[in-house]
């Protein structure tokens, strides 16, 4: 299929428009150049954004695909009247029909994060992120009992990005521990984790893929050798089986899929109550 440019336009950060647009675009085999245009919250900024989008149309001779989350009706009208792209208005498609169904007007808040810095939700998220950063890669044993989840697995199996995703998206306090040769020699989890088995979740990975990842960081090292990776993965999986720790392979899974599985296994109430 032909190359296209996709714009994610919002009067806030554009994160919602981008997430929505990416979910739609993922359904197509399409080479897409992606541009986020945040904080388009005035008529002047709307005209600036439209000039950029229309210029893409003239250069590429294909309609840009424009995903918007715009609340201001004047800004919406400018896009409807002047934009040469294919405009996918998320709020127009979903908020207005929902207003009719509920018989109620939406708040029409401009910018999702306008007052969030004062909210408990925001404070909880910041606390979770700080906790998770302080407990990354086994660097602290302090206050492990406060963790919602403790991830274990061999080095470079995806623990840190998964921990941060859970903290940022679900306000979860996550610690993560790498399993190292000393753990394999003892054939036992790190001592600090033994009283907290109910909070543990294991990540593993295909040894061949692990070797590729490690060779990007330390090429030609014993740490990255396929033989060593096979040994570490085998020992880690055996240890998790013996201790009854649930685990999954991250080899072909996205961070979102990994995190959803962890939530489903350990904290299903977070999925229902978010």
Protein backbone atom coordinates (compact mmCIF):
# COMPACT_ATOMS: atom_id res chain seq x y z
CA UNK A 1 0.00 0.00 0.00
CA UNK A 2 1.04 3.60 -0.55
CA UNK A 3 2.91 5.54 2.11
CA UNK A 4 0.83 7.95 4.16
CA UNK A 5 1.35 10.58 6.80
CA UNK A 6 -0.74 10.34 9.96
CA UNK A 7 -1.30 13.31 12.22
CA UNK A 8 -2.43 13.05 15.84
CA UNK A 9 -3.98 16.39 16.75
CA UNK A 10 -5.13 17.36 20.22
CA UNK A 11 -5.81 20.33 22.45
CA UNK A 12 -3.92 18.40 25.15
CA UNK A 13 -0.84 16.21 24.96
CA UNK A 14 -2.05 14.15 22.01
CA UNK A 15 -1.44 10.86 23.81
CA UNK A 16 -5.08 9.76 23.53
CA UNK A 17 -5.26 10.67 19.83
CA UNK A 18 -1.99 8.84 19.19
CA UNK A 19 -3.06 5.70 21.07
CA UNK A 20 -6.41 5.67 19.26
CA UNK A 21 -4.81 6.31 15.87
CA UNK A 22 -2.09 3.71 16.30
CA UNK A 23 -4.67 1.08 17.27
CA UNK A 24 -6.56 1.78 14.05
CA UNK A 25 -3.49 1.97 11.82
CA UNK A 26 -2.17 -1.33 13.19
CA UNK A 27 -5.00 -3.06 11.31
CA UNK A 28 -3.39 -2.19 7.97
CA UNK A 29 -0.13 -3.06 6.21
CA UNK A 30 0.78 0.55 5.71
CA UNK A 31 4.00 2.55 5.85
CA UNK A 32 3.09 5.55 7.95
CA UNK A 33 5.01 8.70 8.86
CA UNK A 34 3.57 9.78 12.21
CA UNK A 35 3.38 13.34 13.50
CA UNK A 36 1.90 14.42 16.83
CA UNK A 37 0.56 17.98 17.08
CA UNK A 38 -0.28 18.68 20.73
CA UNK A 39 -1.84 21.72 22.41
CA UNK A 40 -3.85 22.86 19.40
CA UNK A 41 -6.24 24.78 21.65
CA UNK A 42 -6.79 28.07 19.81
CA UNK A 43 -8.04 29.13 16.40
CA UNK A 44 -4.57 30.41 15.45
CA UNK A 45 -2.92 27.13 16.37
CA UNK A 46 -5.59 25.25 14.44
CA UNK A 47 -4.78 27.22 11.28
CA UNK A 48 -1.05 26.55 11.79
CA UNK A 49 -1.69 22.81 12.15
CA UNK A 50 -3.91 22.76 9.07
CA UNK A 51 -1.25 24.53 6.98
CA UNK A 52 1.21 21.79 7.94
CA UNK A 53 -1.27 19.01 7.18
CA UNK A 54 -2.36 20.53 3.86
CA UNK A 55 1.29 20.97 2.86
CA UNK A 56 1.76 17.22 3.35
CA UNK A 57 -1.18 16.63 1.03
CA UNK A 58 0.38 18.81 -1.67
CA UNK A 59 3.79 17.13 -1.37
CA UNK A 60 2.60 13.53 -1.20
CA UNK A 61 -0.53 13.74 -3.35
CA UNK A 62 -2.28 11.55 -0.77
CA UNK A 63 -4.67 12.64 1.91
CA UNK A 64 -2.99 12.65 5.32
CA UNK A 65 -4.90 10.67 7.93
CA UNK A 66 -5.75 13.01 10.80
CA UNK A 67 -6.82 11.64 14.19
CA UNK A 68 -8.19 14.37 16.45
CA UNK A 69 -9.28 14.73 20.06
CA UNK A 70 -10.45 18.34 19.98
CA UNK A 71 -13.03 19.77 22.35
CA UNK A 72 -13.21 23.44 21.33
CA UNK A 73 -16.07 23.69 18.76
CA UNK A 74 -14.39 26.60 16.96
CA UNK A 75 -11.22 24.55 16.48
CA UNK A 76 -13.27 21.52 15.40
CA UNK A 77 -15.09 23.64 12.84
CA UNK A 78 -11.82 24.92 11.35
CA UNK A 79 -10.61 21.37 10.84
CA UNK A 80 -13.93 20.29 9.33
CA UNK A 81 -13.93 23.21 6.87
CA UNK A 82 -10.27 23.58 5.92
CA UNK A 83 -8.34 20.37 6.47
CA UNK A 84 -7.47 18.44 3.28
CA UNK A 85 -6.71 15.31 5.24
CA UNK A 86 -9.08 12.50 6.16
CA UNK A 87 -10.20 13.70 9.60
CA UNK A 88 -11.07 11.04 12.20
CA UNK A 89 -12.75 13.00 14.99
CA UNK A 90 -12.65 10.79 18.08
CA UNK A 91 -14.79 13.05 20.24
CA UNK A 92 -17.27 13.67 17.45
CA UNK A 93 -17.58 9.96 16.79
CA UNK A 94 -18.00 8.88 20.39
CA UNK A 95 -18.73 11.75 22.80
CA UNK A 96 -21.68 13.30 20.97
CA UNK A 97 -23.54 9.99 20.41
CA UNK A 98 -22.94 9.17 24.08
CA UNK A 99 -24.40 12.55 25.10
CA UNK A 100 -27.55 11.66 23.17
CA UNK A 101 -27.75 8.20 24.70
CA UNK A 102 -27.20 9.44 28.26
CA UNK A 103 -29.27 12.57 27.88
CA UNK A 104 -26.40 14.56 29.40
CA UNK A 105 -23.74 16.96 28.24
CA UNK A 106 -20.07 16.10 28.56
CA UNK A 107 -17.75 18.40 30.51
CA UNK A 108 -15.95 19.44 27.30
CA UNK A 109 -12.71 19.71 29.23
CA UNK A 110 -9.81 20.94 27.14
CA UNK A 111 -6.70 18.95 27.95
CA UNK A 112 -6.97 15.77 29.91
CA UNK A 113 -4.30 16.88 32.39
CA UNK A 114 -5.64 20.37 33.19
CA UNK A 115 -6.19 19.77 36.93
CA UNK A 116 -4.69 16.31 37.31
CA UNK A 117 -1.58 17.47 39.19
CA UNK A 118 -3.83 18.18 42.17
CA UNK A 119 -5.57 14.80 42.12
CA UNK A 120 -4.94 11.70 44.22
CA UNK A 121 -4.64 9.67 41.02
CA UNK A 122 -1.71 11.82 39.89
CA UNK A 123 -0.03 11.65 43.31
CA UNK A 124 -0.41 7.86 43.39
CA UNK A 125 1.11 7.57 39.94
CA UNK A 126 4.11 9.74 40.83
CA UNK A 127 4.66 7.74 44.02
CA UNK A 128 4.50 4.49 42.05
CA UNK A 129 6.99 5.73 39.46
CA UNK A 130 9.44 6.91 42.14
CA UNK A 131 9.14 3.60 43.99
CA UNK A 132 9.65 1.60 40.79
CA UNK A 133 12.74 3.57 39.78
CA UNK A 134 14.24 3.12 43.25
CA UNK A 135 13.63 -0.65 43.11
CA UNK A 136 14.86 -1.27 39.57
CA UNK A 137 17.29 -4.11 38.90
CA UNK A 138 17.46 -5.24 42.52
CA UNK A 139 19.14 -2.03 43.66
CA UNK A 140 17.10 -1.74 46.88
CA UNK A 141 15.59 -4.15 49.39
CA UNK A 142 13.95 -1.32 51.32
CA UNK A 143 10.19 -1.54 51.79
CA UNK A 144 9.69 -4.48 49.43
CA UNK A 145 6.53 -5.33 51.35
CA UNK A 146 4.92 -2.22 49.81
CA UNK A 147 5.41 -3.51 46.26
CA UNK A 148 2.30 -4.49 44.34
CA UNK A 149 4.37 -6.79 42.10
CA UNK A 150 7.96 -8.01 42.11
CA UNK A 151 9.27 -9.16 38.73
CA UNK A 152 12.07 -11.72 38.50
CA UNK A 153 13.97 -13.06 35.53
CA UNK A 154 17.34 -13.15 33.81
CA UNK A 155 19.01 -9.91 32.79
CA UNK A 156 17.47 -8.29 29.65
CA UNK A 157 14.22 -10.27 29.74
CA UNK A 158 12.05 -7.13 29.84
CA UNK A 159 11.68 -6.47 33.56
CA UNK A 160 12.50 -2.74 33.62
CA UNK A 161 10.24 -1.58 30.76
CA UNK A 162 7.38 -3.70 32.08
CA UNK A 163 7.87 -2.29 35.59
CA UNK A 164 7.76 1.29 34.35
CA UNK A 165 4.72 0.65 32.17
CA UNK A 166 2.80 -0.78 35.14
CA UNK A 167 3.81 2.18 37.27
CA UNK A 168 2.90 4.80 34.69
CA UNK A 169 -0.31 3.25 33.40
CA UNK A 170 -1.69 1.55 36.52
CA UNK A 171 0.02 3.41 39.41
CA UNK A 172 1.54 0.14 40.59
CA UNK A 173 4.62 -0.05 42.77
CA UNK A 174 6.86 -2.56 41.05
CA UNK A 175 10.24 -3.92 42.09
CA UNK A 176 12.32 -6.09 39.78
CA UNK A 177 15.19 -8.45 40.47
CA UNK A 178 17.62 -10.01 38.00
CA UNK A 179 18.40 -13.66 38.59
CA UNK A 180 22.21 -13.99 38.62
CA UNK A 181 24.77 -16.86 38.71
CA UNK A 182 24.82 -16.83 42.53
CA UNK A 183 21.07 -17.54 42.56
CA UNK A 184 21.53 -20.43 40.15
CA UNK A 185 24.36 -21.90 42.26
CA UNK A 186 22.15 -21.78 45.36
CA UNK A 187 19.17 -22.93 43.26
CA UNK A 188 17.12 -20.48 45.23
CA UNK A 189 15.49 -17.12 44.74
CA UNK A 190 17.23 -14.08 46.28
CA UNK A 191 16.69 -14.33 50.06
CA UNK A 192 14.91 -10.96 50.25
CA UNK A 193 12.16 -12.29 47.96
CA UNK A 194 11.38 -15.56 49.73
CA UNK A 195 8.82 -14.08 52.18
CA UNK A 196 7.02 -12.32 49.30
CA UNK A 197 6.23 -15.19 46.94
CA UNK A 198 2.63 -14.09 46.45
CA UNK A 199 3.87 -10.86 44.85
CA UNK A 200 6.35 -12.51 42.49
CA UNK A 201 5.92 -12.88 38.75
CA UNK A 202 8.59 -14.26 36.44
CA UNK A 203 9.66 -13.17 32.97
CA UNK A 204 11.61 -15.45 30.67
CA UNK A 205 12.72 -15.20 27.05
CA UNK A 206 13.91 -17.37 24.18
CA UNK A 207 17.68 -17.89 24.61
CA UNK A 208 18.43 -17.05 20.97
CA UNK A 209 16.59 -13.75 21.27
CA UNK A 210 18.27 -13.06 24.61
CA UNK A 211 21.68 -13.61 23.05
CA UNK A 212 20.85 -11.13 20.28
CA UNK A 213 19.78 -8.48 22.80
CA UNK A 214 22.82 -8.95 25.00
CA UNK A 215 25.20 -8.89 22.03
CA UNK A 216 23.92 -5.42 21.18
CA UNK A 217 25.09 -4.31 24.61
CA UNK A 218 28.21 -6.44 25.18
CA UNK A 219 29.18 -8.05 21.85
CA UNK A 220 31.25 -11.21 21.99
CA UNK A 221 31.06 -11.52 25.78
CA UNK A 222 30.39 -14.66 27.76
CA UNK A 223 27.35 -12.83 29.16
CA UNK A 224 25.90 -12.65 25.62
CA UNK A 225 26.97 -16.10 24.40
CA UNK A 226 24.16 -18.41 23.31
CA UNK A 227 25.47 -21.19 25.57
CA UNK A 228 25.32 -18.95 28.63
CA UNK A 229 21.90 -17.59 27.68
CA UNK A 230 20.53 -21.12 27.32
CA UNK A 231 21.93 -22.04 30.75
CA UNK A 232 20.53 -18.95 32.49
CA UNK A 233 17.06 -19.27 30.95
CA UNK A 234 16.88 -22.98 31.75
CA UNK A 235 17.98 -22.43 35.36
CA UNK A 236 15.61 -19.50 35.84
CA UNK A 237 12.61 -21.39 34.50
CA UNK A 238 13.44 -24.43 36.66
CA UNK A 239 13.73 -22.20 39.73
CA UNK A 240 10.36 -20.59 39.05
CA UNK A 241 8.70 -23.96 38.55
CA UNK A 242 10.12 -25.29 41.82
CA UNK A 243 9.02 -22.26 43.81
CA UNK A 244 5.56 -22.00 42.24
CA UNK A 245 6.12 -18.57 40.65
CA UNK A 246 3.88 -17.80 37.66
CA UNK A 247 5.84 -16.73 34.60
CA UNK A 248 5.59 -16.04 30.89
CA UNK A 249 7.90 -15.65 27.92
CA UNK A 250 8.37 -12.10 26.68
CA UNK A 251 9.91 -13.19 23.36
CA UNK A 252 6.99 -12.31 21.09
CA UNK A 253 4.88 -10.21 23.45
CA UNK A 254 4.51 -6.45 23.72
CA UNK A 255 4.84 -4.63 27.03
CA UNK A 256 1.07 -4.12 26.98
CA UNK A 257 0.44 -7.87 26.61
CA UNK A 258 2.96 -8.73 29.32
CA UNK A 259 1.46 -6.19 31.72
CA UNK A 260 -2.11 -7.35 31.06
CA UNK A 261 -1.12 -10.94 31.82
CA UNK A 262 0.55 -9.87 35.08
CA UNK A 263 -2.51 -7.88 36.13
CA UNK A 264 -4.84 -10.74 35.24
CA UNK A 265 -2.77 -13.19 37.28
CA UNK A 266 -1.95 -11.10 40.36
CA UNK A 267 -4.25 -8.08 40.56
CA UNK A 268 -7.39 -8.54 38.44
CA UNK A 269 -9.16 -5.86 40.49
CA UNK A 270 -6.86 -3.24 38.93
CA UNK A 271 -8.21 -4.13 35.50
CA UNK A 272 -11.81 -3.86 36.65
CA UNK A 273 -11.39 -0.76 38.76
CA UNK A 274 -9.11 1.38 36.65
